[in-house]
Amino acid sequence: MNHSPAHLETVVREIAAEMAVRTDRGKVASYIPELANVDIDAFGIAVIDTDGNVVTGGDSDVQFSIQSISKVFTLTIALGMVGDHLWQHVGREPSGSPFNSIVQLEREEGVPRNPFINAGAIAVTDVILSGHEPRVALGEILRFMRFLAQDQSIKIDEKVAASEQRTGFRNAALANYMKSFSVLQNPVEYTLGVYFHHCAIAMSCRQLAMAARFLANKGRDPSTGFQVVQAERARRINAIMLTCGHYDGSGEFAYRVGLPGKSGVGGGILAIAPGKASIAVWSPGLDDSGNSHLGRIALETLAKRMGWSIFGA
């Protein structure tokens, strides 16, 4: 299998051209009003290999709302703060239910199934918030994202954050339910405020792929040599991404793409080819599980043509 930068460039260019002419584009997330306005014809892809080669296609420098992709980075921060103690607040199993399911949370007495469904990410956010003012905790998350991406221009889209706060009744219900079981330690409105804001961080495919390089490189930032997390922790974060990163479409993504990944309802997907590359794609139209329709197809095509599936070429 040809893994050369030239071959990768050809593959990415082909994928961008193929996605541009497809008419099956899914539907934008309309339940967050600001996301309903995004151009459904947009498509971007960025691939950064572990040698630092950057290959992009389409709208790779257009910033979009990363939404649940931020949960990969908040999980990393929380594990750095409290280590395996985190798993007392949240599980590690696939949910098999919609990402905002209240029924599942009730059945499991307030402990969310994994850190990537909404309830689990709210619980993780609560851990990061502990002992801090909300503004300080949010600043830490944003600083971490900027540090990883080596880009100080990354910011929160305040319009999206306000839109989520106005309409986030289901998330408020999940948070209050967890609070009733003492899974959350901080005031619900503080935890939700930080959660809505980190989901409203805006990044491009290029910035997102940069920020995730440590997960493709045994926890190290390949450009600086800085050990962001230990190799074992990077492997475990990738494992949770593989099994839980696409809500109740996680099995389908693993089956078709064969890479750890995390999607967001803004249409982005972050994927990791361990030891090879970090990848970000963006297409705002979603499938029925809330995952980017063309994003998944593009990643399936990339993994196949590059022989990058973790299950073998």
C-alpha atoms as a PDB file:
ATOM      1  CA  MET A   1       0.000   0.000   0.000  1.00  0.00           C
ATOM      2  CA  ASN A   2       1.385   3.416  -1.039  1.00  0.00           C
ATOM      3  CA  HIS A   3       1.665   5.702   2.024  1.00  0.00           C
ATOM      4  CA  SER A   4       3.741   8.456   0.388  1.00  0.00           C
ATOM      5  CA  PRO A   5       2.765  12.128   0.835  1.00  0.00           C
ATOM      6  CA  ALA A   6       2.253  12.391  -2.942  1.00  0.00           C
ATOM      7  CA  HIS A   7      -0.199   9.485  -2.917  1.00  0.00           C
ATOM      8  CA  LEU A   8      -2.012  10.948   0.093  1.00  0.00           C
ATOM      9  CA  GLU A   9      -2.325  14.276  -1.726  1.00  0.00           C
ATOM     10  CA  THR A  10      -3.822  12.549  -4.762  1.00  0.00           C
ATOM     11  CA  VAL A  11      -6.302  10.606  -2.612  1.00  0.00           C
ATOM     12  CA  VAL A  12      -7.429  13.696  -0.672  1.00  0.00           C
ATOM     13  CA  ARG A  13      -7.852  15.709  -3.897  1.00  0.00           C
ATOM     14  CA  GLU A  14      -9.938  12.884  -5.404  1.00  0.00           C
ATOM     15  CA  ILE A  15     -12.129  12.620  -2.302  1.00  0.00           C
ATOM     16  CA  ALA A  16     -12.786  16.391  -2.211  1.00  0.00           C
ATOM     17  CA  ALA A  17     -13.783  16.307  -5.905  1.00  0.00           C
ATOM     18  CA  GLU A  18     -16.026  13.266  -5.404  1.00  0.00           C
ATOM     19  CA  MET A  19     -17.798  14.777  -2.375  1.00  0.00           C
ATOM     20  CA  ALA A  20     -18.376  18.089  -4.195  1.00  0.00           C
ATOM     21  CA  VAL A  21     -20.673  16.476  -6.777  1.00  0.00           C
ATOM     22  CA  ARG A  22     -22.673  14.178  -4.475  1.00  0.00           C
ATOM     23  CA  THR A  23     -26.321  15.064  -3.963  1.00  0.00           C
ATOM     24  CA  ASP A  24     -26.965  12.853  -0.902  1.00  0.00           C
ATOM     25  CA  ARG A  25     -25.871  15.297   1.778  1.00  0.00           C
ATOM     26  CA  GLY A  26     -28.050  14.528   4.842  1.00  0.00           C
ATOM     27  CA  LYS A  27     -29.785  17.273   6.856  1.00  0.00           C
ATOM     28  CA  VAL A  28     -28.298  20.103   8.925  1.00  0.00           C
ATOM     29  CA  ALA A  29     -28.940  20.106  12.696  1.00  0.00           C
ATOM     30  CA  SER A  30     -31.991  22.337  12.951  1.00  0.00           C
ATOM     31  CA  TYR A  31     -32.619  21.953  16.702  1.00  0.00           C
ATOM     32  CA  ILE A  32     -29.774  24.416  17.390  1.00  0.00           C
ATOM     33  CA  PRO A  33     -31.024  27.464  15.443  1.00  0.00           C
ATOM     34  CA  GLU A  34     -27.566  28.832  14.576  1.00  0.00           C
ATOM     35  CA  LEU A  35     -26.519  25.502  13.014  1.00  0.00           C
ATOM     36  CA  ALA A  36     -29.597  25.435  10.780  1.00  0.00           C
ATOM     37  CA  ASN A  37     -28.131  28.347   8.792  1.00  0.00           C
ATOM     38  CA  VAL A  38     -24.942  26.557   7.692  1.00  0.00           C
ATOM     39  CA  ASP A  39     -24.404  25.908   3.944  1.00  0.00           C
ATOM     40  CA  ILE A  40     -25.172  22.229   3.352  1.00  0.00           C
ATOM     41  CA  ASP A  41     -22.942  22.184   0.247  1.00  0.00           C
ATOM     42  CA  ALA A  42     -19.780  22.832   2.284  1.00  0.00           C
ATOM     43  CA  PHE A  43     -17.153  20.091   2.512  1.00  0.00           C
ATOM     44  CA  GLY A  44     -13.646  20.218   3.941  1.00  0.00           C
ATOM     45  CA  ILE A  45     -10.923  17.707   4.723  1.00  0.00           C
ATOM     46  CA  ALA A  46      -7.490  17.989   6.330  1.00  0.00           C
ATOM     47  CA  VAL A  47      -4.977  15.187   6.936  1.00  0.00           C
ATOM     48  CA  ILE A  48      -1.744  15.661   8.905  1.00  0.00           C
ATOM     49  CA  ASP A  49       0.595  12.691   8.960  1.00  0.00           C
ATOM     50  CA  THR A  50       3.021  11.967  11.788  1.00  0.00           C
ATOM     51  CA  ASP A  51       5.893  13.434   9.712  1.00  0.00           C
ATOM     52  CA  GLY A  52       4.073  16.780   9.716  1.00  0.00           C
ATOM     53  CA  ASN A  53       2.884  16.727   6.095  1.00  0.00           C
ATOM     54  CA  VAL A  54      -0.403  18.657   5.797  1.00  0.00           C
ATOM     55  CA  VAL A  55      -2.804  17.757   2.982  1.00  0.00           C
ATOM     56  CA  THR A  56      -6.133  19.549   2.598  1.00  0.00           C
ATOM     57  CA  GLY A  57      -9.106  19.692   0.258  1.00  0.00           C
ATOM     58  CA  GLY A  58     -12.310  21.695  -0.148  1.00  0.00           C
ATOM     59  CA  ASP A  59     -13.335  24.089   2.629  1.00  0.00           C
ATOM     60  CA  SER A  60     -10.546  22.972   4.955  1.00  0.00           C
ATOM     61  CA  ASP A  61      -9.919  26.464   6.370  1.00  0.00           C
ATOM     62  CA  VAL A  62     -13.557  27.400   7.012  1.00  0.00           C
ATOM     63  CA  GLN A  63     -14.311  27.393  10.736  1.00  0.00           C
ATOM     64  CA  PHE A  64     -17.370  25.485  11.937  1.00  0.00           C
ATOM     65  CA  SER A  65     -18.917  24.675  15.301  1.00  0.00           C
ATOM     66  CA  ILE A  66     -17.050  21.595  16.535  1.00  0.00           C
ATOM     67  CA  GLN A  67     -19.857  20.678  18.977  1.00  0.00           C
ATOM     68  CA  SER A  68     -19.274  17.194  20.469  1.00  0.00           C
ATOM     69  CA  ILE A  69     -15.759  16.886  19.039  1.00  0.00           C
ATOM     70  CA  SER A  70     -14.730  19.122  21.951  1.00  0.00           C
ATOM     71  CA  LYS A  71     -15.539  16.161  24.217  1.00  0.00           C
ATOM     72  CA  VAL A  72     -12.321  14.411  23.136  1.00  0.00           C
ATOM     73  CA  PHE A  73     -10.332  17.315  24.526  1.00  0.00           C
ATOM     74  CA  THR A  74     -12.370  17.779  27.712  1.00  0.00           C
ATOM     75  CA  LEU A  75     -11.962  14.031  28.383  1.00  0.00           C
ATOM     76  CA  THR A  76      -8.188  14.453  27.960  1.00  0.00           C
ATOM     77  CA  ILE A  77      -8.149  17.404  30.390  1.00  0.00           C
ATOM     78  CA  ALA A  78     -10.306  15.631  32.999  1.00  0.00           C
ATOM     79  CA  LEU A  79      -8.138  12.496  32.892  1.00  0.00           C
ATOM     80  CA  GLY A  80      -5.103  14.729  33.408  1.00  0.00           C
ATOM     81  CA  MET A  81      -6.758  16.292  36.453  1.00  0.00           C
ATOM     82  CA  VAL A  82      -8.184  13.254  38.268  1.00  0.00           C
ATOM     83  CA  GLY A  83      -6.887  10.183  36.398  1.00  0.00           C
ATOM     84  CA  ASP A  84      -8.924   6.989  36.666  1.00  0.00           C
ATOM     85  CA  HIS A  85     -11.017   8.567  39.438  1.00  0.00           C
ATOM     86  CA  LEU A  86     -13.004  10.015  36.509  1.00  0.00           C
ATOM     87  CA  TRP A  87     -14.593   6.613  35.887  1.00  0.00           C
ATOM     88  CA  GLN A  88     -16.521   6.926  39.154  1.00  0.00           C
ATOM     89  CA  HIS A  89     -18.541   9.674  37.449  1.00  0.00           C
ATOM     90  CA  VAL A  90     -18.972   8.204  33.976  1.00  0.00           C
ATOM     91  CA  GLY A  91     -18.753   4.783  32.289  1.00  0.00           C
ATOM     92  CA  ARG A  92     -16.842   3.580  29.237  1.00  0.00           C
ATOM     93  CA  GLU A  93     -19.430   1.496  27.393  1.00  0.00           C
ATOM     94  CA  PRO A  94     -21.209   2.275  24.091  1.00  0.00           C
ATOM     95  CA  SER A  95     -24.686   3.673  24.679  1.00  0.00           C
ATOM     96  CA  GLY A  96     -26.774   2.187  21.867  1.00  0.00           C
ATOM     97  CA  SER A  97     -29.195   5.043  22.580  1.00  0.00           C
ATOM     98  CA  PRO A  98     -29.601   8.581  21.230  1.00  0.00           C
ATOM     99  CA  PHE A  99     -26.919  10.979  22.498  1.00  0.00           C
ATOM    100  CA  ASN A 100     -29.421  12.868  24.658  1.00  0.00           C
ATOM    101  CA  SER A 101     -31.349   9.907  26.074  1.00  0.00           C
ATOM    102  CA  ILE A 102     -32.934  10.472  29.486  1.00  0.00           C
ATOM    103  CA  VAL A 103     -34.330   6.931  29.704  1.00  0.00           C
ATOM    104  CA  GLN A 104     -30.855   5.374  29.761  1.00  0.00           C
ATOM    105  CA  LEU A 105     -29.666   7.781  32.449  1.00  0.00           C
ATOM    106  CA  GLU A 106     -32.636   6.895  34.640  1.00  0.00           C
ATOM    107  CA  ARG A 107     -32.036   3.173  34.223  1.00  0.00           C
ATOM    108  CA  GLU A 108     -28.396   3.588  35.283  1.00  0.00           C
ATOM    109  CA  GLU A 109     -29.128   5.772  38.315  1.00  0.00           C
ATOM    110  CA  GLY A 110     -27.605   8.970  37.025  1.00  0.00           C
ATOM    111  CA  VAL A 111     -24.199   7.607  35.924  1.00  0.00           C
ATOM    112  CA  PRO A 112     -23.770   8.283  32.169  1.00  0.00           C
ATOM    113  CA  ARG A 113     -22.766   5.382  29.952  1.00  0.00           C
ATOM    114  CA  ASN A 114     -19.699   7.083  28.402  1.00  0.00           C
ATOM    115  CA  PRO A 115     -17.973  10.490  28.193  1.00  0.00           C
ATOM    116  CA  PHE A 116     -19.171  11.245  24.655  1.00  0.00           C
ATOM    117  CA  ILE A 117     -22.942  11.170  25.055  1.00  0.00           C
ATOM    118  CA  ASN A 118     -24.316  14.491  26.302  1.00  0.00           C
ATOM    119  CA  ALA A 119     -24.832  13.376  29.904  1.00  0.00           C
ATOM    120  CA  GLY A 120     -21.316  11.929  30.063  1.00  0.00           C
ATOM    121  CA  ALA A 121     -19.728  15.065  28.623  1.00  0.00           C
ATOM    122  CA  ILE A 122     -21.655  17.215  31.106  1.00  0.00           C
ATOM    123  CA  ALA A 123     -20.291  15.023  33.935  1.00  0.00           C
ATOM    124  CA  VAL A 124     -16.745  15.396  32.537  1.00  0.00           C
ATOM    125  CA  THR A 125     -17.218  19.174  32.295  1.00  0.00           C
ATOM    126  CA  ASP A 126     -18.315  19.196  35.949  1.00  0.00           C
ATOM    127  CA  VAL A 127     -15.018  17.532  36.935  1.00  0.00           C
ATOM    128  CA  ILE A 128     -13.024  20.198  35.050  1.00  0.00           C
ATOM    129  CA  LEU A 129     -15.102  22.936  36.677  1.00  0.00           C
ATOM    130  CA  SER A 130     -14.531  21.738  40.249  1.00  0.00           C
ATOM    131  CA  GLY A 131     -12.675  24.344  42.266  1.00  0.00           C
ATOM    132  CA  HIS A 132     -12.752  26.915  39.462  1.00  0.00           C
ATOM    133  CA  GLU A 133     -14.938  29.786  38.349  1.00  0.00           C
ATOM    134  CA  PRO A 134     -16.762  28.857  35.095  1.00  0.00           C
ATOM    135  CA  ARG A 135     -14.828  31.530  33.172  1.00  0.00           C
ATOM    136  CA  VAL A 136     -11.510  30.090  34.400  1.00  0.00           C
ATOM    137  CA  ALA A 137     -12.467  26.500  33.509  1.00  0.00           C
ATOM    138  CA  LEU A 138     -13.579  27.576  30.042  1.00  0.00           C
ATOM    139  CA  GLY A 139     -10.344  29.518  29.606  1.00  0.00           C
ATOM    140  CA  GLU A 140      -8.368  26.357  30.448  1.00  0.00           C
ATOM    141  CA  ILE A 141     -10.237  24.363  27.783  1.00  0.00           C
ATOM    142  CA  LEU A 142      -9.736  27.061  25.151  1.00  0.00           C
ATOM    143  CA  ARG A 143      -6.057  27.462  26.060  1.00  0.00           C
ATOM    144  CA  PHE A 144      -5.535  23.703  25.708  1.00  0.00           C
ATOM    145  CA  MET A 145      -7.156  23.693  22.235  1.00  0.00           C
ATOM    146  CA  ARG A 146      -5.054  26.669  21.098  1.00  0.00           C
ATOM    147  CA  PHE A 147      -1.884  25.086  22.476  1.00  0.00           C
ATOM    148  CA  LEU A 148      -2.478  21.787  20.671  1.00  0.00           C
ATOM    149  CA  ALA A 149      -3.426  23.465  17.379  1.00  0.00           C
ATOM    150  CA  GLN A 150      -0.618  26.026  17.716  1.00  0.00           C
ATOM    151  CA  ASP A 151      -3.180  28.676  16.833  1.00  0.00           C
ATOM    152  CA  GLN A 152      -4.239  31.508  19.142  1.00  0.00           C
ATOM    153  CA  SER A 153      -7.096  32.569  16.837  1.00  0.00           C
ATOM    154  CA  ILE A 154      -9.371  29.680  17.884  1.00  0.00           C
ATOM    155  CA  LYS A 155     -12.384  31.061  19.729  1.00  0.00           C
ATOM    156  CA  ILE A 156     -15.894  30.359  20.949  1.00  0.00           C
ATOM    157  CA  ASP A 157     -18.789  31.244  18.653  1.00  0.00           C
ATOM    158  CA  GLU A 158     -20.884  33.203  21.145  1.00  0.00           C
ATOM    159  CA  LYS A 159     -23.963  33.133  18.882  1.00  0.00           C
ATOM    160  CA  VAL A 160     -23.936  29.326  18.829  1.00  0.00           C
ATOM    161  CA  ALA A 161     -23.347  29.162  22.602  1.00  0.00           C
ATOM    162  CA  ALA A 162     -26.284  31.524  23.236  1.00  0.00           C
ATOM    163  CA  SER A 163     -28.430  29.539  20.816  1.00  0.00           C
ATOM    164  CA  GLU A 164     -27.661  26.324  22.711  1.00  0.00           C
ATOM    165  CA  GLN A 165     -28.358  27.911  26.091  1.00  0.00           C
ATOM    166  CA  ARG A 166     -31.724  29.174  24.870  1.00  0.00           C
ATOM    167  CA  THR A 167     -32.798  25.773  23.565  1.00  0.00           C
ATOM    168  CA  GLY A 168     -30.859  23.304  25.760  1.00  0.00           C
ATOM    169  CA  PHE A 169     -33.799  22.077  27.847  1.00  0.00           C
ATOM    170  CA  ARG A 170     -32.975  18.393  27.331  1.00  0.00           C
ATOM    171  CA  ASN A 171     -29.384  18.939  28.479  1.00  0.00           C
ATOM    172  CA  ALA A 172     -30.677  20.829  31.522  1.00  0.00           C
ATOM    173  CA  ALA A 173     -32.917  17.851  32.319  1.00  0.00           C
ATOM    174  CA  LEU A 174     -29.969  15.452  32.056  1.00  0.00           C
ATOM    175  CA  ALA A 175     -27.814  17.671  34.282  1.00  0.00           C
ATOM    176  CA  ASN A 176     -30.486  18.075  36.945  1.00  0.00           C
ATOM    177  CA  TYR A 177     -31.135  14.341  36.948  1.00  0.00           C
ATOM    178  CA  MET A 178     -27.420  13.630  37.503  1.00  0.00           C
ATOM    179  CA  LYS A 179     -27.329  16.289  40.212  1.00  0.00           C
ATOM    180  CA  SER A 180     -30.098  14.442  42.052  1.00  0.00           C
ATOM    181  CA  PHE A 181     -27.742  11.426  42.264  1.00  0.00           C
ATOM    182  CA  SER A 182     -24.771  13.634  43.302  1.00  0.00           C
ATOM    183  CA  VAL A 183     -22.935  12.783  40.068  1.00  0.00           C
ATOM    184  CA  LEU A 184     -22.511  16.540  39.521  1.00  0.00           C
ATOM    185  CA  GLN A 185     -20.770  18.499  42.262  1.00  0.00           C
ATOM    186  CA  ASN A 186     -21.164  22.066  40.963  1.00  0.00           C
ATOM    187  CA  PRO A 187     -24.253  24.246  40.423  1.00  0.00           C
ATOM    188  CA  VAL A 188     -26.052  22.899  37.347  1.00  0.00           C
ATOM    189  CA  GLU A 189     -26.172  26.277  35.605  1.00  0.00           C
ATOM    190  CA  TYR A 190     -22.384  26.688  35.953  1.00  0.00           C
ATOM    191  CA  THR A 191     -21.626  23.241  34.538  1.00  0.00           C
ATOM    192  CA  LEU A 192     -24.092  23.691  31.667  1.00  0.00           C
ATOM    193  CA  GLY A 193     -22.688  27.130  30.867  1.00  0.00           C
ATOM    194  CA  VAL A 194     -19.173  25.742  30.453  1.00  0.00           C
ATOM    195  CA  TYR A 195     -20.511  22.739  28.503  1.00  0.00           C
ATOM    196  CA  PHE A 196     -22.496  24.847  26.017  1.00  0.00           C
ATOM    197  CA  HIS A 197     -19.531  27.147  25.471  1.00  0.00           C
ATOM    198  CA  HIS A 198     -16.909  24.453  24.832  1.00  0.00           C
ATOM    199  CA  CYS A 199     -19.269  22.775  22.352  1.00  0.00           C
ATOM    200  CA  ALA A 200     -19.514  26.162  20.581  1.00  0.00           C
ATOM    201  CA  ILE A 201     -15.765  26.386  19.889  1.00  0.00           C
ATOM    202  CA  ALA A 202     -15.244  27.111  16.184  1.00  0.00           C
ATOM    203  CA  MET A 203     -12.368  25.465  14.304  1.00  0.00           C
ATOM    204  CA  SER A 204     -11.440  24.532  10.761  1.00  0.00           C
ATOM    205  CA  CYS A 205     -10.527  21.040   9.575  1.00  0.00           C
ATOM    206  CA  ARG A 206      -6.867  22.092   9.478  1.00  0.00           C
ATOM    207  CA  GLN A 207      -6.953  23.395  13.078  1.00  0.00           C
ATOM    208  CA  LEU A 208      -8.775  20.311  14.339  1.00  0.00           C
ATOM    209  CA  ALA A 209      -6.395  17.869  12.656  1.00  0.00           C
ATOM    210  CA  MET A 210      -3.477  19.834  14.160  1.00  0.00           C
ATOM    211  CA  ALA A 211      -4.988  19.692  17.644  1.00  0.00           C
ATOM    212  CA  ALA A 212      -5.400  15.903  17.521  1.00  0.00           C
ATOM    213  CA  ARG A 213      -1.906  14.943  16.328  1.00  0.00           C
ATOM    214  CA  PHE A 214      -0.953  13.711  19.803  1.00  0.00           C
ATOM    215  CA  LEU A 215      -3.573  10.946  19.545  1.00  0.00           C
ATOM    216  CA  ALA A 216      -1.952   9.629  16.355  1.00  0.00           C
ATOM    217  CA  ASN A 217       1.525   9.811  17.863  1.00  0.00           C
ATOM    218  CA  LYS A 218       1.390   7.879  21.170  1.00  0.00           C
ATOM    219  CA  GLY A 219       0.422  10.980  23.130  1.00  0.00           C
ATOM    220  CA  ARG A 220       3.266  13.185  21.834  1.00  0.00           C
ATOM    221  CA  ASP A 221       3.010  16.407  19.847  1.00  0.00           C
ATOM    222  CA  PRO A 222       5.231  15.461  16.874  1.00  0.00           C
ATOM    223  CA  SER A 223       6.298  19.036  16.102  1.00  0.00           C
ATOM    224  CA  THR A 224       7.519  19.906  19.619  1.00  0.00           C
ATOM    225  CA  GLY A 225       8.106  16.479  21.158  1.00  0.00           C
ATOM    226  CA  PHE A 226       5.907  17.502  24.108  1.00  0.00           C
ATOM    227  CA  GLN A 227       4.204  14.515  25.774  1.00  0.00           C
ATOM    228  CA  VAL A 228       0.591  15.693  26.010  1.00  0.00           C
ATOM    229  CA  VAL A 229      -0.523  12.407  27.594  1.00  0.00           C
ATOM    230  CA  GLN A 230       1.208   9.088  28.194  1.00  0.00           C
ATOM    231  CA  ALA A 231       1.045   6.582  25.320  1.00  0.00           C
ATOM    232  CA  GLU A 232      -1.290   4.285  27.268  1.00  0.00           C
ATOM    233  CA  ARG A 233      -3.766   7.119  27.881  1.00  0.00           C
ATOM    234  CA  ALA A 234      -3.722   8.120  24.198  1.00  0.00           C
ATOM    235  CA  ARG A 235      -4.477   4.506  23.294  1.00  0.00           C
ATOM    236  CA  ARG A 236      -7.394   4.420  25.735  1.00  0.00           C
ATOM    237  CA  ILE A 237      -8.849   7.711  24.485  1.00  0.00           C
ATOM    238  CA  ASN A 238      -8.666   6.290  20.949  1.00  0.00           C
ATOM    239  CA  ALA A 239     -10.419   3.121  22.156  1.00  0.00           C
ATOM    240  CA  ILE A 240     -13.317   5.129  23.600  1.00  0.00           C
ATOM    241  CA  MET A 241     -13.502   7.135  20.366  1.00  0.00           C
ATOM    242  CA  LEU A 242     -13.767   3.903  18.380  1.00  0.00           C
ATOM    243  CA  THR A 243     -16.515   2.377  20.524  1.00  0.00           C
ATOM    244  CA  CYS A 244     -18.471   5.485  21.581  1.00  0.00           C
ATOM    245  CA  GLY A 245     -17.515   8.369  19.282  1.00  0.00           C
ATOM    246  CA  HIS A 246     -20.557   8.331  17.008  1.00  0.00           C
ATOM    247  CA  TYR A 247     -23.468   7.902  19.409  1.00  0.00           C
ATOM    248  CA  ASP A 248     -25.645   4.969  18.361  1.00  0.00           C
ATOM    249  CA  GLY A 249     -23.892   4.958  14.966  1.00  0.00           C
ATOM    250  CA  SER A 250     -20.535   4.007  16.522  1.00  0.00           C
ATOM    251  CA  GLY A 251     -20.687   0.360  15.444  1.00  0.00           C
ATOM    252  CA  GLU A 252     -21.542   1.341  11.884  1.00  0.00           C
ATOM    253  CA  PHE A 253     -18.614   3.803  11.793  1.00  0.00           C
ATOM    254  CA  ALA A 254     -16.184   1.188  13.127  1.00  0.00           C
ATOM    255  CA  TYR A 255     -17.525  -1.315  10.581  1.00  0.00           C
ATOM    256  CA  ARG A 256     -17.235   1.028   7.597  1.00  0.00           C
ATOM    257  CA  VAL A 257     -14.268   3.266   8.458  1.00  0.00           C
ATOM    258  CA  GLY A 258     -12.266   1.240  10.988  1.00  0.00           C
ATOM    259  CA  LEU A 259     -10.699   4.246  12.732  1.00  0.00           C
ATOM    260  CA  PRO A 260     -11.215   5.887  16.127  1.00  0.00           C
ATOM    261  CA  GLY A 261     -13.343   8.981  15.559  1.00  0.00           C
ATOM    262  CA  LYS A 262     -15.556  11.591  17.167  1.00  0.00           C
ATOM    263  CA  SER A 263     -18.378  13.375  15.430  1.00  0.00           C
ATOM    264  CA  GLY A 264     -20.247  16.580  16.199  1.00  0.00           C
ATOM    265  CA  VAL A 265     -23.663  17.798  15.064  1.00  0.00           C
ATOM    266  CA  GLY A 266     -21.936  20.778  13.427  1.00  0.00           C
ATOM    267  CA  GLY A 267     -20.978  18.257  10.723  1.00  0.00           C
ATOM    268  CA  GLY A 268     -17.364  17.680  11.726  1.00  0.00           C
ATOM    269  CA  ILE A 269     -15.667  14.353  12.344  1.00  0.00           C
ATOM    270  CA  LEU A 270     -12.228  13.963  13.887  1.00  0.00           C
ATOM    271  CA  ALA A 271     -10.552  10.638  13.089  1.00  0.00           C
ATOM    272  CA  ILE A 272      -7.258   9.084  14.116  1.00  0.00           C
ATOM    273  CA  ALA A 273      -5.111   6.628  12.168  1.00  0.00           C
ATOM    274  CA  PRO A 274      -2.778   5.583  15.011  1.00  0.00           C
ATOM    275  CA  GLY A 275       0.880   5.935  14.063  1.00  0.00           C
ATOM    276  CA  LYS A 276      -0.090   7.434  10.700  1.00  0.00           C
ATOM    277  CA  ALA A 277      -2.227  10.593  10.750  1.00  0.00           C
ATOM    278  CA  SER A 278      -4.872  12.776  12.338  1.00  0.00           C
ATOM    279  CA  ILE A 279      -7.795  13.626  10.069  1.00  0.00           C
ATOM    280  CA  ALA A 280     -10.653  16.103  10.207  1.00  0.00           C
ATOM    281  CA  VAL A 281     -13.574  16.289   7.795  1.00  0.00           C
ATOM    282  CA  TRP A 282     -16.563  18.616   7.707  1.00  0.00           C
ATOM    283  CA  SER A 283     -19.878  18.398   5.890  1.00  0.00           C
ATOM    284  CA  PRO A 284     -22.875  19.896   7.763  1.00  0.00           C
ATOM    285  CA  GLY A 285     -25.535  17.442   6.544  1.00  0.00           C
ATOM    286  CA  LEU A 286     -26.172  14.721   9.140  1.00  0.00           C
ATOM    287  CA  ASP A 287     -27.499  11.161   9.010  1.00  0.00           C
ATOM    288  CA  ASP A 288     -30.221   9.829  11.328  1.00  0.00           C
ATOM    289  CA  SER A 289     -27.714   9.235  14.156  1.00  0.00           C
ATOM    290  CA  GLY A 290     -26.480  12.846  14.103  1.00  0.00           C
ATOM    291  CA  ASN A 291     -23.204  12.105  12.288  1.00  0.00           C
ATOM    292  CA  SER A 292     -21.936  13.850   9.139  1.00  0.00           C
ATOM    293  CA  HIS A 293     -23.234  11.846   6.186  1.00  0.00           C
ATOM    294  CA  LEU A 294     -20.560  12.806   3.642  1.00  0.00           C
ATOM    295  CA  GLY A 295     -17.928  13.043   6.361  1.00  0.00           C
ATOM    296  CA  ARG A 296     -18.303   9.357   7.130  1.00  0.00           C
ATOM    297  CA  ILE A 297     -18.259   8.423   3.427  1.00  0.00           C
ATOM    298  CA  ALA A 298     -15.116  10.520   2.887  1.00  0.00           C
ATOM    299  CA  LEU A 299     -13.352   8.856   5.828  1.00  0.00           C
ATOM    300  CA  GLU A 300     -14.392   5.395   4.658  1.00  0.00           C
ATOM    301  CA  THR A 301     -12.931   6.189   1.232  1.00  0.00           C
ATOM    302  CA  LEU A 302      -9.716   7.610   2.727  1.00  0.00           C
ATOM    303  CA  ALA A 303      -9.180   4.635   5.047  1.00  0.00           C
ATOM    304  CA  LYS A 304      -9.754   2.209   2.181  1.00  0.00           C
ATOM    305  CA  ARG A 305      -7.490   3.931  -0.359  1.00  0.00           C
ATOM    306  CA  MET A 306      -4.678   4.526   2.160  1.00  0.00           C
ATOM    307  CA  GLY A 307      -5.044   1.131   3.882  1.00  0.00           C
ATOM    308  CA  TRP A 308      -5.410   2.871   7.240  1.00  0.00           C
ATOM    309  CA  SER A 309      -8.168   0.840   8.928  1.00  0.00           C
ATOM    310  CA  ILE A 310      -6.905  -0.417  12.294  1.00  0.00           C
ATOM    311  CA  PHE A 311      -8.388  -3.788  11.366  1.00  0.00           C
ATOM    312  CA  GLY A 312      -6.078  -4.213   8.369  1.00  0.00           C
ATOM    313  CA  ALA A 313      -6.057  -2.959   4.784  1.00  0.00           C
END
